[in-house]
Amino acid sequence: MEETKNVIINPHDLIYVLTLRYIPTQKSLLPKLVWNNFIPSNQNPSIDFIQKLIENSIKNSFDKTIEKVSIALSGGVDSTLVLTLFNKIFPNVEVEAFSIKFAKSVDETYDAKRIADDFNIHQTVIYLDNYLAELPKAISIIKQPFWDLHWYHVCKNSSLFSKYMMSGDGGDELFGGYTFRYKKFLSLIANNSPPLDKTKSYLECHERDHVPDQEKLFTKKTDFSWKIIYDLLIPYFDNSLENIDQVFLADFNGKLLYNFLPVNTKLHNYFYLNSISPILSKKMILYATHIPNNFKYDPKTNTGKILLRKILQKYKKEQLVSREKLGFNVNTINLWKSHGSKICKKYLADARVVNDGWINEKWINKYIDKEELDVKYVNKFLGLLAVEIWYRLFITKEMRPDKKL
């Protein structure tokens, strides 16, 4: 779903983006991995080698004349580890931490501030009341219909401080960070579950990406089928890997490859930012994908990123981070009540994607006026809003990127 002179809509892309929140038909910036890439090594992993890979990536990304750099600091393991090792290599470089505070949501900026204070660096908190306000601008940059674009605000603010921005991207996918999904997945399957059952269980662990009546969202023109989704995902679960390694494989080839990376890269380029993601280097991918899963995730304690935490322990920083994975944590129910409902009603009441026969108007009308809407449906309406905004920007070309919602 890229911008071209004559845009041709692939119905499958609409199905993918509104069911998985990524579009696997686009060209990826990193090679797609197959199950053989996740065959565990017979040797125990070395935290010293992992640290060396991260440090080398940091060193190769900067020169000695660097004076200041920004970091997206969430308060989690990945960004804290990157900050720790950067500070070890460049102790005299000025660092500015950027954190996001979403209105009426769990506030993670306190955790990030505690870490920033420990390193004696300044923290800038980006407060977002109406998270959707600049959605047309963000979509005009990435040229894809995604609504969860908090990275736009991070890049926009970070670019005012430095041309370099660091992040902990890749830590979740390479070292086992999505513990809340792993626990649920393992509870839903048996050791001998067939690939299709594991595929369905994997989708159930991403329950906010789709709704129970997903097939009714689309029209006959779009021709939705769950088989389209199953055919995409089932190869990740039809192999001899252990169950949790199959999840790692699916996660790498999912939102990381086809949402986070392309979106973030386009935003970095737009704001002239040199992006530094030292955990996601090619050498690290080659090494980390073969690390046995018991060194990544402990199902008994539901703890992930075991090896990265051990590196933090070396520098007495592990106590600064939480064991719970939060990440992108806007409360979409509260967002819906404060701004989302009004905005969606405005743009979906006469939706171009409905008028042109892609989305079922009856589905929209059935739910949009409900006072208490389940979070799955809230998220789906936000996804539909992003598709509609993209459609008006690139198909009907009636919306300007600087339009505020």
Protein backbone atom coordinates (compact mmCIF):
# COMPACT_ATOMS: atom_id res chain seq x y z
CA MET A 1 0.00 0.00 0.00
CA GLU A 2 2.59 2.50 -1.13
CA GLU A 3 1.98 5.79 -2.87
CA THR A 4 2.27 5.57 -6.66
CA LYS A 5 0.93 7.65 -9.55
CA ASN A 6 -1.83 5.09 -10.12
CA VAL A 7 -2.53 3.33 -6.85
CA ILE A 8 -3.85 -0.20 -7.25
CA ILE A 9 -5.30 -1.54 -4.02
CA ASN A 10 -4.48 -5.12 -3.19
CA PRO A 11 -7.49 -6.50 -1.27
CA HIS A 12 -5.16 -8.80 0.66
CA ASP A 13 -3.26 -5.78 1.96
CA LEU A 14 -6.48 -4.42 3.44
CA ILE A 15 -7.14 -7.79 5.02
CA TYR A 16 -3.61 -8.00 6.45
CA VAL A 17 -3.47 -4.49 7.88
CA LEU A 18 -6.90 -4.76 9.52
CA THR A 19 -6.30 -8.27 10.86
CA LEU A 20 -2.57 -8.42 11.69
CA ARG A 21 -1.57 -4.72 11.73
CA TYR A 22 1.18 -5.28 9.19
CA ILE A 23 1.47 -5.84 5.44
CA PRO A 24 3.74 -8.79 4.56
CA THR A 25 3.57 -8.14 0.80
CA GLN A 26 5.92 -5.16 1.04
CA LYS A 27 9.67 -5.41 0.61
CA SER A 28 11.39 -5.87 3.96
CA LEU A 29 14.53 -4.03 5.06
CA LEU A 30 15.95 -7.16 6.67
CA PRO A 31 15.84 -10.68 5.22
CA LYS A 32 12.85 -12.76 6.17
CA LEU A 33 13.92 -15.67 8.36
CA VAL A 34 12.94 -19.32 8.05
CA TRP A 35 12.75 -22.02 10.70
CA ASN A 36 16.34 -23.18 10.10
CA ASN A 37 17.53 -19.74 11.26
CA PHE A 38 16.18 -20.53 14.74
CA ILE A 39 17.74 -23.96 15.24
CA PRO A 40 19.34 -23.67 18.70
CA SER A 41 23.10 -23.88 19.07
CA ASN A 42 24.68 -26.66 21.13
CA GLN A 43 26.88 -24.12 22.88
CA ASN A 44 25.79 -21.92 25.76
CA PRO A 45 25.55 -18.25 24.79
CA SER A 46 28.09 -15.72 26.01
CA ILE A 47 26.83 -12.49 27.56
CA ASP A 48 30.31 -11.04 27.01
CA PHE A 49 30.00 -11.70 23.29
CA ILE A 50 26.49 -10.21 23.19
CA GLN A 51 27.76 -7.13 24.99
CA LYS A 52 30.68 -6.87 22.57
CA LEU A 53 28.32 -7.01 19.58
CA ILE A 54 26.21 -4.18 21.01
CA GLU A 55 29.26 -2.09 21.89
CA ASN A 56 30.80 -2.58 18.45
CA SER A 57 27.54 -1.51 16.84
CA ILE A 58 27.52 1.65 18.99
CA LYS A 59 31.16 2.42 18.21
CA ASN A 60 30.64 1.96 14.48
CA SER A 61 27.61 4.29 14.51
CA PHE A 62 29.40 7.34 15.89
CA ASP A 63 32.66 9.13 15.50
CA LYS A 64 34.73 10.70 18.27
CA THR A 65 33.44 14.19 17.47
CA ILE A 66 29.88 13.39 18.56
CA GLU A 67 28.65 15.89 21.14
CA LYS A 68 25.06 14.89 21.85
CA VAL A 69 22.61 12.11 21.13
CA SER A 70 19.00 11.34 22.00
CA ILE A 71 17.55 8.05 23.17
CA ALA A 72 13.98 6.77 23.20
CA LEU A 73 13.78 5.72 26.84
CA SER A 74 10.81 3.57 27.83
CA GLY A 75 12.06 2.35 31.18
CA GLY A 76 12.50 -1.18 29.88
CA VAL A 77 15.45 -3.53 29.50
CA ASP A 78 16.43 -2.75 25.91
CA SER A 79 16.73 1.04 26.01
CA THR A 80 18.32 0.91 29.47
CA LEU A 81 20.95 -1.55 28.25
CA VAL A 82 21.73 0.59 25.18
CA LEU A 83 22.06 3.66 27.41
CA THR A 84 24.31 1.76 29.84
CA LEU A 85 26.73 0.63 27.15
CA PHE A 86 26.68 3.95 25.30
CA ASN A 87 27.55 5.73 28.55
CA LYS A 88 30.40 3.26 29.08
CA ILE A 89 31.86 4.05 25.64
CA PHE A 90 31.04 7.78 25.43
CA PRO A 91 30.83 8.99 29.06
CA ASN A 92 31.19 12.67 28.12
CA VAL A 93 28.57 12.86 25.37
CA GLU A 94 25.37 14.75 26.25
CA VAL A 95 22.35 12.45 26.18
CA GLU A 96 18.71 13.52 26.14
CA ALA A 97 16.07 10.91 27.01
CA PHE A 98 12.69 11.14 25.28
CA SER A 99 9.67 9.41 26.81
CA ILE A 100 5.97 9.47 25.93
CA LYS A 101 3.13 10.07 28.36
CA PHE A 102 -0.28 9.14 26.99
CA ALA A 103 -3.33 10.85 28.49
CA LYS A 104 -5.34 8.67 30.89
CA SER A 105 -3.00 5.70 30.43
CA VAL A 106 -0.44 3.88 32.55
CA ASP A 107 2.36 6.38 33.01
CA GLU A 108 5.73 4.76 32.27
CA THR A 109 7.63 8.05 32.28
CA TYR A 110 8.30 7.74 36.02
CA ASP A 111 10.27 4.54 35.42
CA ALA A 112 12.14 6.23 32.59
CA LYS A 113 12.90 9.26 34.77
CA ARG A 114 14.35 7.04 37.48
CA ILE A 115 16.73 5.60 34.89
CA ALA A 116 17.57 9.02 33.43
CA ASP A 117 18.32 10.35 36.91
CA ASP A 118 20.58 7.37 37.61
CA PHE A 119 22.65 8.32 34.55
CA ASN A 120 22.38 12.03 35.35
CA ILE A 121 20.80 12.85 31.99
CA HIS A 122 17.83 15.08 31.19
CA GLN A 123 14.46 13.58 30.30
CA THR A 124 11.95 15.21 27.96
CA VAL A 125 8.41 13.92 28.41
CA ILE A 126 6.23 14.13 25.30
CA TYR A 127 2.67 14.48 26.55
CA LEU A 128 -0.01 13.35 24.12
CA ASP A 129 -3.61 14.30 24.90
CA ASN A 130 -5.15 13.67 21.48
CA TYR A 131 -2.89 10.93 20.20
CA LEU A 132 -4.69 10.96 16.84
CA ALA A 133 -4.35 14.68 16.10
CA GLU A 134 -1.43 14.42 13.69
CA LEU A 135 -2.36 11.07 12.17
CA PRO A 136 -2.69 12.48 8.60
CA LYS A 137 0.84 13.87 8.78
CA ALA A 138 2.30 10.64 10.12
CA ILE A 139 0.50 8.51 7.52
CA SER A 140 1.58 10.87 4.75
CA ILE A 141 5.19 10.16 5.76
CA ILE A 142 5.03 6.39 6.14
CA LYS A 143 2.52 5.98 3.26
CA GLN A 144 0.83 3.08 5.02
CA PRO A 145 -2.46 2.87 6.98
CA PHE A 146 -1.24 2.39 10.55
CA TRP A 147 -2.68 4.29 13.51
CA ASP A 148 -0.26 3.29 16.31
CA LEU A 149 2.40 5.81 15.29
CA HIS A 150 3.84 7.01 18.59
CA TRP A 151 7.29 6.86 16.94
CA TYR A 152 6.31 9.88 14.84
CA HIS A 153 6.18 12.00 18.00
CA VAL A 154 9.46 10.57 19.31
CA CYS A 155 11.27 11.36 16.05
CA LYS A 156 9.69 14.80 15.69
CA ASN A 157 10.88 15.88 19.14
CA SER A 158 14.19 14.05 19.06
CA SER A 159 15.23 15.69 15.78
CA LEU A 160 15.19 19.09 17.51
CA PHE A 161 17.91 17.94 19.89
CA SER A 162 20.30 15.82 17.82
CA LYS A 163 20.68 14.17 14.43
CA TYR A 164 21.40 10.88 16.22
CA MET A 165 18.73 8.83 17.98
CA MET A 166 19.26 5.53 19.77
CA SER A 167 16.69 2.89 20.60
CA GLY A 168 16.45 -0.65 21.93
CA ASP A 169 14.62 -1.96 18.85
CA GLY A 170 14.88 -5.71 18.33
CA GLY A 171 15.35 -6.71 21.94
CA ASP A 172 11.85 -8.14 22.27
CA GLU A 173 12.03 -10.24 19.12
CA LEU A 174 15.61 -11.49 19.48
CA PHE A 175 15.77 -12.07 23.24
CA GLY A 176 12.23 -13.01 24.26
CA GLY A 177 10.46 -9.89 25.46
CA TYR A 178 6.79 -10.58 24.76
CA THR A 179 6.28 -12.60 27.92
CA PHE A 180 2.56 -11.80 28.24
CA ARG A 181 1.97 -13.50 24.88
CA TYR A 182 4.32 -16.44 25.46
CA LYS A 183 2.51 -17.40 28.66
CA LYS A 184 -0.89 -17.33 26.97
CA PHE A 185 0.32 -19.22 23.88
CA LEU A 186 1.82 -22.04 25.93
CA SER A 187 -1.41 -22.32 27.93
CA LEU A 188 -3.47 -22.70 24.76
CA ILE A 189 -1.52 -25.49 23.08
CA ALA A 190 -0.31 -29.01 23.77
CA ASN A 191 3.06 -30.43 22.75
CA ASN A 192 1.41 -32.37 19.94
CA SER A 193 -0.90 -29.59 18.72
CA PRO A 194 -1.07 -29.53 14.90
CA PRO A 195 0.33 -26.48 13.06
CA LEU A 196 -3.10 -25.02 12.31
CA ASP A 197 -4.12 -25.14 15.97
CA LYS A 198 -0.89 -23.41 16.98
CA THR A 199 -1.47 -20.80 14.28
CA LYS A 200 -4.93 -20.08 15.67
CA SER A 201 -3.53 -19.94 19.21
CA TYR A 202 -0.86 -17.48 18.07
CA LEU A 203 -3.58 -15.25 16.61
CA GLU A 204 -5.53 -15.54 19.85
CA CYS A 205 -2.49 -14.09 21.61
CA HIS A 206 -2.85 -11.02 19.37
CA GLU A 207 -6.53 -10.71 20.20
CA ARG A 208 -6.59 -6.91 19.97
CA ASP A 209 -5.61 -7.02 16.31
CA HIS A 210 -8.93 -8.51 15.19
CA VAL A 211 -12.55 -8.91 16.31
CA PRO A 212 -14.77 -12.00 16.69
CA ASP A 213 -16.82 -11.06 13.63
CA GLN A 214 -13.80 -10.06 11.57
CA GLU A 215 -15.22 -11.53 8.36
CA LYS A 216 -18.25 -9.20 8.56
CA LEU A 217 -16.00 -6.13 8.55
CA PHE A 218 -15.25 -6.60 4.86
CA THR A 219 -17.37 -6.71 1.72
CA LYS A 220 -17.46 -9.38 -0.98
CA LYS A 221 -15.19 -7.13 -3.03
CA THR A 222 -12.45 -7.47 -0.41
CA ASP A 223 -13.15 -11.21 -0.14
CA PHE A 224 -11.89 -11.79 3.41
CA SER A 225 -10.99 -15.32 4.42
CA TRP A 226 -9.21 -16.61 7.51
CA LYS A 227 -7.43 -19.00 5.17
CA ILE A 228 -5.47 -16.02 3.80
CA ILE A 229 -4.17 -15.35 7.30
CA TYR A 230 -3.57 -19.01 8.16
CA ASP A 231 -1.64 -19.61 4.93
CA LEU A 232 0.69 -16.74 5.82
CA LEU A 233 1.41 -17.88 9.38
CA ILE A 234 1.22 -21.67 9.33
CA PRO A 235 4.78 -22.22 7.94
CA TYR A 236 6.14 -20.74 11.18
CA PHE A 237 4.45 -23.55 13.13
CA ASP A 238 4.89 -26.41 10.68
CA ASN A 239 8.47 -27.39 11.48
CA SER A 240 10.55 -29.21 14.08
CA LEU A 241 11.34 -26.20 16.28
CA GLU A 242 10.18 -26.11 19.88
CA ASN A 243 6.89 -24.28 20.39
CA ILE A 244 8.37 -21.11 21.85
CA ASP A 245 11.00 -20.92 19.09
CA GLN A 246 8.19 -21.08 16.56
CA VAL A 247 6.69 -18.01 18.25
CA PHE A 248 10.06 -16.22 18.05
CA LEU A 249 10.16 -17.00 14.33
CA ALA A 250 6.63 -15.70 13.76
CA ASP A 251 7.29 -12.55 15.82
CA PHE A 252 10.43 -11.68 13.88
CA ASN A 253 8.63 -12.10 10.56
CA GLY A 254 5.60 -10.14 11.76
CA LYS A 255 5.31 -6.59 13.04
CA LEU A 256 9.08 -6.16 13.41
CA LEU A 257 9.79 -6.83 9.75
CA TYR A 258 6.68 -5.28 8.22
CA ASN A 259 5.52 -2.58 10.64
CA PHE A 260 8.12 -1.35 13.11
CA LEU A 261 11.14 -1.34 10.79
CA PRO A 262 9.62 0.21 7.65
CA VAL A 263 7.59 2.74 9.66
CA ASN A 264 10.49 3.79 11.86
CA THR A 265 12.90 4.00 8.92
CA LYS A 266 10.62 6.30 6.95
CA LEU A 267 10.14 8.53 9.98
CA HIS A 268 13.90 8.67 10.62
CA ASN A 269 14.52 9.64 7.02
CA TYR A 270 11.82 12.31 7.05
CA PHE A 271 13.24 13.96 10.17
CA TYR A 272 16.86 13.53 9.00
CA LEU A 273 17.70 11.29 11.92
CA ASN A 274 20.54 8.80 12.02
CA SER A 275 18.90 5.85 13.72
CA ILE A 276 21.04 3.71 16.01
CA SER A 277 19.57 0.31 16.96
CA PRO A 278 22.60 -1.60 18.25
CA ILE A 279 20.63 -4.66 19.40
CA LEU A 280 19.27 -5.17 15.88
CA SER A 281 22.54 -5.45 13.99
CA LYS A 282 22.94 -8.15 11.34
CA LYS A 283 25.63 -9.89 13.42
CA MET A 284 23.35 -9.89 16.45
CA ILE A 285 20.47 -11.35 14.43
CA LEU A 286 22.73 -14.12 13.18
CA TYR A 287 23.87 -14.91 16.73
CA ALA A 288 20.74 -14.34 18.81
CA THR A 289 18.37 -16.38 16.66
CA HIS A 290 20.36 -19.53 17.51
CA ILE A 291 20.40 -18.95 21.26
CA PRO A 292 18.49 -21.77 23.04
CA ASN A 293 15.12 -20.48 24.24
CA ASN A 294 15.77 -21.28 27.93
CA PHE A 295 18.35 -18.48 27.87
CA LYS A 296 15.70 -16.06 26.63
CA TYR A 297 12.48 -16.93 28.43
CA ASP A 298 11.72 -18.64 31.74
CA PRO A 299 8.11 -19.91 31.70
CA LYS A 300 8.15 -20.67 35.44
CA THR A 301 8.71 -17.02 36.38
CA ASN A 302 7.40 -15.59 33.08
CA THR A 303 10.63 -13.61 32.74
CA GLY A 304 12.12 -12.70 29.38
CA LYS A 305 15.36 -11.18 28.07
CA ILE A 306 17.35 -13.23 30.57
CA LEU A 307 20.73 -12.61 28.93
CA LEU A 308 20.19 -8.87 28.49
CA ARG A 309 19.20 -8.64 32.15
CA LYS A 310 22.45 -10.38 33.11
CA ILE A 311 24.43 -7.71 31.30
CA LEU A 312 22.51 -5.04 33.21
CA GLN A 313 23.33 -6.91 36.43
CA LYS A 314 27.04 -6.52 35.68
CA TYR A 315 26.57 -2.75 35.83
CA LYS A 316 24.12 -2.83 38.74
CA LYS A 317 21.31 -1.45 36.56
CA GLU A 318 18.98 -4.46 36.48
CA GLN A 319 17.00 -3.23 39.49
CA LEU A 320 16.02 -0.11 37.53
CA VAL A 321 13.84 -2.00 35.04
CA SER A 322 10.61 -3.90 35.46
CA ARG A 323 10.07 -7.60 34.83
CA GLU A 324 6.77 -6.78 33.16
CA LYS A 325 6.66 -5.91 29.47
CA LEU A 326 4.58 -2.77 28.87
CA GLY A 327 5.88 -1.04 25.75
CA PHE A 328 3.41 0.92 23.64
CA ASN A 329 0.82 1.51 26.33
CA VAL A 330 -1.83 4.01 25.26
CA ASN A 331 -5.17 3.17 26.87
CA THR A 332 -7.31 2.93 23.76
CA ILE A 333 -10.59 2.78 25.72
CA ASN A 334 -9.86 6.16 27.30
CA LEU A 335 -8.56 7.49 23.97
CA TRP A 336 -11.83 6.39 22.38
CA LYS A 337 -13.90 8.17 25.01
CA SER A 338 -11.91 11.41 24.90
CA HIS A 339 -11.18 11.82 21.16
CA GLY A 340 -11.37 8.60 19.15
CA SER A 341 -15.14 8.12 19.04
CA LYS A 342 -15.82 11.65 17.81
CA ILE A 343 -13.07 11.50 15.18
CA CYS A 344 -14.09 8.06 13.90
CA LYS A 345 -17.74 9.09 13.63
CA LYS A 346 -16.72 12.14 11.63
CA TYR A 347 -14.61 10.29 9.08
CA LEU A 348 -16.38 6.92 8.96
CA ALA A 349 -19.92 8.32 8.67
CA ASP A 350 -19.20 8.92 4.99
CA ALA A 351 -16.18 6.68 4.60
CA ARG A 352 -14.59 6.54 1.17
CA VAL A 353 -13.55 2.94 1.81
CA VAL A 354 -17.25 2.17 2.28
CA ASN A 355 -18.38 4.18 -0.74
CA ASP A 356 -15.84 2.39 -2.93
CA GLY A 357 -17.00 -1.00 -1.70
CA TRP A 358 -14.12 -2.24 0.47
CA ILE A 359 -15.59 -2.04 3.98
CA ASN A 360 -19.05 -3.08 5.17
CA GLU A 361 -21.09 -0.06 6.29
CA LYS A 362 -23.46 -2.29 8.31
CA TRP A 363 -20.54 -3.42 10.49
CA ILE A 364 -19.57 0.19 11.22
CA ASN A 365 -23.15 1.22 12.04
CA LYS A 366 -23.64 -1.79 14.31
CA TYR A 367 -20.87 -0.77 16.72
CA ILE A 368 -19.85 2.86 16.34
CA ASP A 369 -22.59 4.33 18.56
CA LYS A 370 -22.27 1.79 21.38
CA GLU A 371 -21.58 3.50 24.70
CA GLU A 372 -19.42 0.71 26.13
CA LEU A 373 -17.32 -0.71 23.32
CA ASP A 374 -14.98 -3.65 23.84
CA VAL A 375 -11.31 -2.78 23.41
CA LYS A 376 -11.04 -5.09 20.39
CA TYR A 377 -13.65 -3.03 18.57
CA VAL A 378 -12.09 0.24 19.69
CA ASN A 379 -8.77 -0.87 18.21
CA LYS A 380 -10.51 -1.97 15.03
CA PHE A 381 -12.16 1.41 14.61
CA LEU A 382 -8.79 3.10 15.06
CA GLY A 383 -7.42 0.78 12.39
CA LEU A 384 -10.31 1.67 10.08
CA LEU A 385 -9.68 5.36 10.74
CA ALA A 386 -6.07 4.94 9.62
CA VAL A 387 -7.19 3.16 6.45
CA GLU A 388 -9.70 5.93 5.73
CA ILE A 389 -7.11 8.66 6.30
CA TRP A 390 -4.64 6.83 4.02
CA TYR A 391 -7.38 6.45 1.42
CA ARG A 392 -8.18 10.17 1.46
CA LEU A 393 -4.50 11.08 1.26
CA PHE A 394 -3.43 8.74 -1.54
CA ILE A 395 -6.52 7.48 -3.37
CA THR A 396 -9.08 10.29 -3.46
CA LYS A 397 -6.33 12.85 -2.68
CA GLU A 398 -8.81 15.10 -0.90
CA MET A 399 -6.96 15.42 2.42
CA ARG A 400 -3.87 17.47 3.15
CA PRO A 401 -1.12 16.00 5.36
CA ASP A 402 -1.26 19.01 7.69
CA LYS A 403 -4.93 18.35 8.53
CA LYS A 404 -5.40 18.04 12.30
CA LEU A 405 -7.96 15.54 13.54
